[in-house]
PDB file of N, CA and C in Angstrom:
ATOM      1  N   UNK A   1      93.777  97.188  59.333  1.00  0.00           N
ATOM      2  CA  UNK A   1      94.028  97.027  60.759  1.00  0.00           C
ATOM      3  C   UNK A   1      95.506  97.285  61.021  1.00  0.00           C
ATOM      4  N   UNK A   2      95.774  98.103  62.007  1.00  0.00           N
ATOM      5  CA  UNK A   2      97.143  98.386  62.434  1.00  0.00           C
ATOM      6  C   UNK A   2      97.342  97.828  63.835  1.00  0.00           C
ATOM      7  N   UNK A   3      98.566  97.407  64.089  1.00  0.00           N
ATOM      8  CA  UNK A   3      98.912  96.848  65.390  1.00  0.00           C
ATOM      9  C   UNK A   3     100.126  97.593  65.919  1.00  0.00           C
ATOM     10  N   UNK A   4     100.092  97.924  67.198  1.00  0.00           N
ATOM     11  CA  UNK A   4     101.228  98.547  67.853  1.00  0.00           C
ATOM     12  C   UNK A   4     101.578  97.802  69.122  1.00  0.00           C
ATOM     13  N   UNK A   5     102.867  97.710  69.379  1.00  0.00           N
ATOM     14  CA  UNK A   5     103.346  97.145  70.635  1.00  0.00           C
ATOM     15  C   UNK A   5     103.953  98.287  71.423  1.00  0.00           C
ATOM     16  N   UNK A   6     103.469  98.489  72.643  1.00  0.00           N
ATOM     17  CA  UNK A   6     103.873  99.638  73.437  1.00  0.00           C
ATOM     18  C   UNK A   6     104.631  99.166  74.671  1.00  0.00           C
ATOM     19  N   UNK A   7     105.878  99.624  74.792  1.00  0.00           N
ATOM     20  CA  UNK A   7     106.668  99.405  75.999  1.00  0.00           C
ATOM     21  C   UNK A   7     106.395 100.581  76.924  1.00  0.00           C
ATOM     22  N   UNK A   8     106.039 100.287  78.166  1.00  0.00           N
ATOM     23  CA  UNK A   8     105.582 101.320  79.092  1.00  0.00           C
ATOM     24  C   UNK A   8     106.444 101.314  80.348  1.00  0.00           C
ATOM     25  N   UNK A   9     106.918 102.496  80.725  1.00  0.00           N
ATOM     26  CA  UNK A   9     107.658 102.673  81.969  1.00  0.00           C
ATOM     27  C   UNK A   9     106.725 103.325  82.981  1.00  0.00           C
ATOM     28  N   UNK A  10     106.705 102.758  84.194  1.00  0.00           N
ATOM     29  CA  UNK A  10     105.787 103.217  85.235  1.00  0.00           C
ATOM     30  C   UNK A  10     106.589 103.608  86.476  1.00  0.00           C
ATOM     31  N   UNK A  11     106.088 104.590  87.215  1.00  0.00           N
ATOM     32  CA  UNK A  11     106.711 104.997  88.469  1.00  0.00           C
ATOM     33  C   UNK A  11     106.800 103.817  89.427  1.00  0.00           C
ATOM     34  N   UNK A  12     107.870 103.765  90.222  1.00  0.00           N
ATOM     35  CA  UNK A  12     107.960 102.703  91.228  1.00  0.00           C
ATOM     36  C   UNK A  12     106.726 102.698  92.131  1.00  0.00           C
ATOM     37  N   UNK A  13     106.287 101.519  92.479  1.00  0.00           N
ATOM     38  CA  UNK A  13     105.136 101.262  93.353  1.00  0.00           C
ATOM     39  C   UNK A  13     103.790 101.554  92.687  1.00  0.00           C
ATOM     40  N   UNK A  14     103.775 101.906  91.408  1.00  0.00           N
ATOM     41  CA  UNK A  14     102.523 102.166  90.688  1.00  0.00           C
ATOM     42  C   UNK A  14     102.239 101.093  89.642  1.00  0.00           C
ATOM     43  N   UNK A  15     103.109 100.076  89.558  1.00  0.00           N
ATOM     44  CA  UNK A  15     103.013  99.084  88.489  1.00  0.00           C
ATOM     45  C   UNK A  15     101.677  98.353  88.480  1.00  0.00           C
ATOM     46  N   UNK A  16     101.232  97.883  89.630  1.00  0.00           N
ATOM     47  CA  UNK A  16      99.998  97.091  89.690  1.00  0.00           C
ATOM     48  C   UNK A  16      98.788  97.916  89.256  1.00  0.00           C
ATOM     49  N   UNK A  17      98.661  99.125  89.792  1.00  0.00           N
ATOM     50  CA  UNK A  17      97.526  99.972  89.450  1.00  0.00           C
ATOM     51  C   UNK A  17      97.543 100.345  87.972  1.00  0.00           C
ATOM     52  N   UNK A  18      98.714 100.693  87.449  1.00  0.00           N
ATOM     53  CA  UNK A  18      98.817 101.058  86.037  1.00  0.00           C
ATOM     54  C   UNK A  18      98.487  99.863  85.152  1.00  0.00           C
ATOM     55  N   UNK A  19      98.992  98.680  85.507  1.00  0.00           N
ATOM     56  CA  UNK A  19      98.715  97.465  84.736  1.00  0.00           C
ATOM     57  C   UNK A  19      97.214  97.216  84.663  1.00  0.00           C
ATOM     58  N   UNK A  20      96.534  97.313  85.800  1.00  0.00           N
ATOM     59  CA  UNK A  20      95.089  97.068  85.835  1.00  0.00           C
ATOM     60  C   UNK A  20      94.325  98.095  84.998  1.00  0.00           C
ATOM     61  N   UNK A  21      94.705  99.363  85.115  1.00  0.00           N
ATOM     62  CA  UNK A  21      93.993 100.405  84.362  1.00  0.00           C
ATOM     63  C   UNK A  21      94.233 100.271  82.857  1.00  0.00           C
ATOM     64  N   UNK A  22      95.469 100.007  82.472  1.00  0.00           N
ATOM     65  CA  UNK A  22      95.780  99.850  81.048  1.00  0.00           C
ATOM     66  C   UNK A  22      95.080  98.624  80.481  1.00  0.00           C
ATOM     67  N   UNK A  23      94.986  97.563  81.257  1.00  0.00           N
ATOM     68  CA  UNK A  23      94.332  96.340  80.764  1.00  0.00           C
ATOM     69  C   UNK A  23      92.845  96.555  80.491  1.00  0.00           C
ATOM     70  N   UNK A  24      92.257  97.594  81.056  1.00  0.00           N
ATOM     71  CA  UNK A  24      90.841  97.900  80.832  1.00  0.00           C
ATOM     72  C   UNK A  24      90.590  98.794  79.616  1.00  0.00           C
ATOM     73  N   UNK A  25      91.642  99.237  78.952  1.00  0.00           N
ATOM     74  CA  UNK A  25      91.484 100.044  77.741  1.00  0.00           C
ATOM     75  C   UNK A  25      91.012  99.119  76.625  1.00  0.00           C
ATOM     76  N   UNK A  26      89.933  99.486  75.968  1.00  0.00           N
ATOM     77  CA  UNK A  26      89.283  98.629  74.969  1.00  0.00           C
ATOM     78  C   UNK A  26      90.229  98.149  73.871  1.00  0.00           C
ATOM     79  N   UNK A  27      91.103  99.008  73.403  1.00  0.00           N
ATOM     80  CA  UNK A  27      91.972  98.671  72.272  1.00  0.00           C
ATOM     81  C   UNK A  27      93.183  97.820  72.652  1.00  0.00           C
ATOM     82  N   UNK A  28      93.403  97.616  73.938  1.00  0.00           N
ATOM     83  CA  UNK A  28      94.499  96.755  74.394  1.00  0.00           C
ATOM     84  C   UNK A  28      94.044  95.311  74.252  1.00  0.00           C
ATOM     85  N   UNK A  29      94.732  94.561  73.405  1.00  0.00           N
ATOM     86  CA  UNK A  29      94.339  93.172  73.133  1.00  0.00           C
ATOM     87  C   UNK A  29      95.152  92.170  73.935  1.00  0.00           C
ATOM     88  N   UNK A  30      96.378  92.533  74.303  1.00  0.00           N
ATOM     89  CA  UNK A  30      97.225  91.697  75.149  1.00  0.00           C
ATOM     90  C   UNK A  30      98.071  92.625  76.006  1.00  0.00           C
ATOM     91  N   UNK A  31      98.403  92.164  77.217  1.00  0.00           N
ATOM     92  CA  UNK A  31      99.229  92.974  78.108  1.00  0.00           C
ATOM     93  C   UNK A  31     100.052  92.038  78.989  1.00  0.00           C
ATOM     94  N   UNK A  32     101.316  92.405  79.196  1.00  0.00           N
ATOM     95  CA  UNK A  32     102.231  91.566  79.960  1.00  0.00           C
ATOM     96  C   UNK A  32     103.067  92.426  80.900  1.00  0.00           C
ATOM     97  N   UNK A  33     103.273  91.976  82.135  1.00  0.00           N
ATOM     98  CA  UNK A  33     104.227  92.662  83.007  1.00  0.00           C
ATOM     99  C   UNK A  33     105.642  92.277  82.575  1.00  0.00           C
ATOM    100  N   UNK A  34     106.580  93.191  82.725  1.00  0.00           N
ATOM    101  CA  UNK A  34     107.969  92.948  82.345  1.00  0.00           C
ATOM    102  C   UNK A  34     108.895  93.207  83.520  1.00  0.00           C
ATOM    103  N   UNK A  35     110.090  92.673  83.423  1.00  0.00           N
ATOM    104  CA  UNK A  35     111.153  92.949  84.384  1.00  0.00           C
ATOM    105  C   UNK A  35     112.292  93.593  83.612  1.00  0.00           C
ATOM    106  N   UNK A  36     112.852  94.657  84.146  1.00  0.00           N
ATOM    107  CA  UNK A  36     113.958  95.319  83.464  1.00  0.00           C
ATOM    108  C   UNK A  36     113.666  96.780  83.213  1.00  0.00           C
ATOM    109  N   UNK A  37     114.144  97.271  82.072  1.00  0.00           N
ATOM    110  CA  UNK A  37     114.030  98.693  81.751  1.00  0.00           C
ATOM    111  C   UNK A  37     112.582  99.154  81.630  1.00  0.00           C
ATOM    112  N   UNK A  38     111.711  98.297  81.111  1.00  0.00           N
ATOM    113  CA  UNK A  38     110.297  98.625  80.941  1.00  0.00           C
ATOM    114  C   UNK A  38     109.466  97.776  81.892  1.00  0.00           C
ATOM    115  N   UNK A  39     108.277  98.261  82.228  1.00  0.00           N
ATOM    116  CA  UNK A  39     107.423  97.582  83.201  1.00  0.00           C
ATOM    117  C   UNK A  39     106.264  96.823  82.575  1.00  0.00           C
ATOM    118  N   UNK A  40     105.775  97.284  81.426  1.00  0.00           N
ATOM    119  CA  UNK A  40     104.588  96.694  80.799  1.00  0.00           C
ATOM    120  C   UNK A  40     104.790  96.652  79.288  1.00  0.00           C
ATOM    121  N   UNK A  41     104.318  95.564  78.665  1.00  0.00           N
ATOM    122  CA  UNK A  41     104.230  95.460  77.210  1.00  0.00           C
ATOM    123  C   UNK A  41     102.760  95.301  76.863  1.00  0.00           C
ATOM    124  N   UNK A  42     102.241  96.182  76.011  1.00  0.00           N
ATOM    125  CA  UNK A  42     100.828  96.125  75.623  1.00  0.00           C
ATOM    126  C   UNK A  42     100.706  96.054  74.105  1.00  0.00           C
ATOM    127  N   UNK A  43      99.808  95.194  73.643  1.00  0.00           N
ATOM    128  CA  UNK A  43      99.493  95.104  72.214  1.00  0.00           C
ATOM    129  C   UNK A  43      98.220  95.899  71.969  1.00  0.00           C
ATOM    130  N   UNK A  44      98.295  96.855  71.040  1.00  0.00           N
ATOM    131  CA  UNK A  44      97.173  97.729  70.714  1.00  0.00           C
ATOM    132  C   UNK A  44      96.733  97.443  69.281  1.00  0.00           C
ATOM    133  N   UNK A  45      95.427  97.308  69.072  1.00  0.00           N
ATOM    134  CA  UNK A  45      94.882  97.153  67.726  1.00  0.00           C
ATOM    135  C   UNK A  45      93.937  98.314  67.441  1.00  0.00           C
ATOM    136  N   UNK A  46      94.066  98.872  66.226  1.00  0.00           N
ATOM    137  CA  UNK A  46      93.222 100.000  65.831  1.00  0.00           C
ATOM    138  C   UNK A  46      93.063  99.992  64.314  1.00  0.00           C
ATOM    139  N   UNK A  47      92.212 100.884  63.824  1.00  0.00           N
ATOM    140  CA  UNK A  47      91.952 100.965  62.385  1.00  0.00           C
ATOM    141  C   UNK A  47      93.179 101.399  61.592  1.00  0.00           C
ATOM    142  N   UNK A  48      93.965 102.322  62.154  1.00  0.00           N
ATOM    143  CA  UNK A  48      95.144 102.805  61.438  1.00  0.00           C
ATOM    144  C   UNK A  48      96.194 103.292  62.428  1.00  0.00           C
ATOM    145  N   UNK A  49      97.354 103.640  61.892  1.00  0.00           N
ATOM    146  CA  UNK A  49      98.479 104.069  62.723  1.00  0.00           C
ATOM    147  C   UNK A  49      98.152 105.350  63.486  1.00  0.00           C
ATOM    148  N   UNK A  50      97.437 106.270  62.858  1.00  0.00           N
ATOM    149  CA  UNK A  50      97.066 107.517  63.539  1.00  0.00           C
ATOM    150  C   UNK A  50      96.231 107.238  64.782  1.00  0.00           C
ATOM    151  N   UNK A  51      95.326 106.282  64.684  1.00  0.00           N
ATOM    152  CA  UNK A  51      94.486 105.944  65.833  1.00  0.00           C
ATOM    153  C   UNK A  51      95.323 105.318  66.950  1.00  0.00           C
ATOM    154  N   UNK A  52      96.318 104.518  66.592  1.00  0.00           N
ATOM    155  CA  UNK A  52      97.204 103.961  67.624  1.00  0.00           C
ATOM    156  C   UNK A  52      97.907 105.093  68.358  1.00  0.00           C
ATOM    157  N   UNK A  53      98.401 106.072  67.617  1.00  0.00           N
ATOM    158  CA  UNK A  53      99.042 107.221  68.251  1.00  0.00           C
ATOM    159  C   UNK A  53      98.114 107.939  69.207  1.00  0.00           C
ATOM    160  N   UNK A  54      96.878 108.106  68.811  1.00  0.00           N
ATOM    161  CA  UNK A  54      95.893 108.764  69.678  1.00  0.00           C
ATOM    162  C   UNK A  54      95.626 107.958  70.941  1.00  0.00           C
ATOM    163  N   UNK A  55      95.552 106.646  70.812  1.00  0.00           N
ATOM    164  CA  UNK A  55      95.315 105.778  71.972  1.00  0.00           C
ATOM    165  C   UNK A  55      96.479 105.876  72.951  1.00  0.00           C
ATOM    166  N   UNK A  56      97.701 105.846  72.420  1.00  0.00           N
ATOM    167  CA  UNK A  56      98.876 105.946  73.289  1.00  0.00           C
ATOM    168  C   UNK A  56      98.875 107.275  74.029  1.00  0.00           C
ATOM    169  N   UNK A  57      98.623 108.356  73.316  1.00  0.00           N
ATOM    170  CA  UNK A  57      98.677 109.686  73.929  1.00  0.00           C
ATOM    171  C   UNK A  57      97.510 109.931  74.880  1.00  0.00           C
ATOM    172  N   UNK A  58      96.294 109.654  74.442  1.00  0.00           N
ATOM    173  CA  UNK A  58      95.121 110.051  75.233  1.00  0.00           C
ATOM    174  C   UNK A  58      94.693 109.024  76.272  1.00  0.00           C
ATOM    175  N   UNK A  59      95.067 107.765  76.098  1.00  0.00           N
ATOM    176  CA  UNK A  59      94.613 106.744  77.042  1.00  0.00           C
ATOM    177  C   UNK A  59      95.751 106.151  77.866  1.00  0.00           C
ATOM    178  N   UNK A  60      96.808 105.674  77.214  1.00  0.00           N
ATOM    179  CA  UNK A  60      97.887 105.016  77.960  1.00  0.00           C
ATOM    180  C   UNK A  60      98.690 106.030  78.761  1.00  0.00           C
ATOM    181  N   UNK A  61      99.123 107.108  78.118  1.00  0.00           N
ATOM    182  CA  UNK A  61      99.926 108.111  78.835  1.00  0.00           C
ATOM    183  C   UNK A  61      99.121 108.863  79.885  1.00  0.00           C
ATOM    184  N   UNK A  62      97.805 108.797  79.811  1.00  0.00           N
ATOM    185  CA  UNK A  62      96.952 109.461  80.800  1.00  0.00           C
ATOM    186  C   UNK A  62      96.824 108.656  82.090  1.00  0.00           C
ATOM    187  N   UNK A  63      97.282 107.418  82.080  1.00  0.00           N
ATOM    188  CA  UNK A  63      97.181 106.564  83.268  1.00  0.00           C
ATOM    189  C   UNK A  63      98.155 107.065  84.332  1.00  0.00           C
ATOM    190  N   UNK A  64      97.673 107.179  85.556  1.00  0.00           N
ATOM    191  CA  UNK A  64      98.511 107.632  86.668  1.00  0.00           C
ATOM    192  C   UNK A  64      99.706 106.706  86.836  1.00  0.00           C
ATOM    193  N   UNK A  65     100.886 107.295  86.921  1.00  0.00           N
ATOM    194  CA  UNK A  65     102.105 106.524  87.119  1.00  0.00           C
ATOM    195  C   UNK A  65     102.884 106.247  85.849  1.00  0.00           C
ATOM    196  N   UNK A  66     102.260 106.397  84.682  1.00  0.00           N
ATOM    197  CA  UNK A  66     102.981 106.162  83.428  1.00  0.00           C
ATOM    198  C   UNK A  66     103.974 107.300  83.216  1.00  0.00           C
ATOM    199  N   UNK A  67     105.242 106.937  83.081  1.00  0.00           N
ATOM    200  CA  UNK A  67     106.312 107.917  82.908  1.00  0.00           C
ATOM    201  C   UNK A  67     106.680 108.088  81.440  1.00  0.00           C
ATOM    202  N   UNK A  68     106.751 106.960  80.708  1.00  0.00           N
ATOM    203  CA  UNK A  68     107.234 107.005  79.332  1.00  0.00           C
ATOM    204  C   UNK A  68     106.661 105.837  78.546  1.00  0.00           C
ATOM    205  N   UNK A  69     106.562 106.016  77.233  1.00  0.00           N
ATOM    206  CA  UNK A  69     106.132 104.934  76.345  1.00  0.00           C
ATOM    207  C   UNK A  69     107.040 104.904  75.126  1.00  0.00           C
ATOM    208  N   UNK A  70     107.193 103.716  74.561  1.00  0.00           N
ATOM    209  CA  UNK A  70     107.901 103.537  73.296  1.00  0.00           C
ATOM    210  C   UNK A  70     107.030 102.620  72.462  1.00  0.00           C
ATOM    211  N   UNK A  71     106.626 103.079  71.274  1.00  0.00           N
ATOM    212  CA  UNK A  71     105.665 102.341  70.455  1.00  0.00           C
ATOM    213  C   UNK A  71     106.324 101.815  69.185  1.00  0.00           C
ATOM    214  N   UNK A  72     106.058 100.541  68.901  1.00  0.00           N
ATOM    215  CA  UNK A  72     106.513  99.885  67.678  1.00  0.00           C
ATOM    216  C   UNK A  72     105.279  99.564  66.856  1.00  0.00           C
ATOM    217  N   UNK A  73     105.262 100.004  65.606  1.00  0.00           N
ATOM    218  CA  UNK A  73     104.083  99.853  64.753  1.00  0.00           C
ATOM    219  C   UNK A  73     104.302  98.782  63.690  1.00  0.00           C
ATOM    220  N   UNK A  74     103.218  98.077  63.357  1.00  0.00           N
ATOM    221  CA  UNK A  74     103.227  97.101  62.280  1.00  0.00           C
ATOM    222  C   UNK A  74     101.868  97.128  61.599  1.00  0.00           C
ATOM    223  N   UNK A  75     101.799  96.629  60.404  1.00  0.00           N
ATOM    224  CA  UNK A  75     100.523  96.624  59.699  1.00  0.00           C
ATOM    225  C   UNK A  75      99.969  95.225  59.490  1.00  0.00           C
ATOM    226  N   UNK A  76     100.793  94.189  59.706  1.00  0.00           N
ATOM    227  CA  UNK A  76     100.292  92.826  59.574  1.00  0.00           C
ATOM    228  C   UNK A  76     101.225  91.871  60.298  1.00  0.00           C
ATOM    229  N   UNK A  77     100.761  90.641  60.476  1.00  0.00           N
ATOM    230  CA  UNK A  77     101.587  89.614  61.099  1.00  0.00           C
ATOM    231  C   UNK A  77     101.727  88.446  60.145  1.00  0.00           C
ATOM    232  N   UNK A  78     102.698  87.628  60.375  1.00  0.00           N
ATOM    233  CA  UNK A  78     102.894  86.412  59.593  1.00  0.00           C
ATOM    234  C   UNK A  78     102.380  85.247  60.416  1.00  0.00           C
ATOM    235  N   UNK A  79     101.135  84.870  60.189  1.00  0.00           N
ATOM    236  CA  UNK A  79     100.514  83.785  60.939  1.00  0.00           C
ATOM    237  C   UNK A  79     101.217  82.469  60.621  1.00  0.00           C
ATOM    238  N   UNK A  80     101.532  81.733  61.671  1.00  0.00           N
ATOM    239  CA  UNK A  80     102.137  80.425  61.502  1.00  0.00           C
ATOM    240  C   UNK A  80     103.601  80.453  61.102  1.00  0.00           C
ATOM    241  N   UNK A  81     104.232  81.623  61.145  1.00  0.00           N
ATOM    242  CA  UNK A  81     105.643  81.703  60.745  1.00  0.00           C
ATOM    243  C   UNK A  81     106.548  81.242  61.859  1.00  0.00           C
TER     244      UNK A  81
END
């Protein structure tokens, strides 16, 4: 299992619609609105890193209003740390 955290920049006035559409993507496990340089933080879970890349390109970047994404990849978490 691979996990990616995606910082998403959205066009002004498109934040709400983009947030709702991204939250409906099956592989998005958590999503948060942000204030500042980025507008949305999304946690993506997939079988491997290649699949995370495909999800970002074909699903997240395809959402109307998404201008840019920055993805951070990890392969495991430290539970209870």
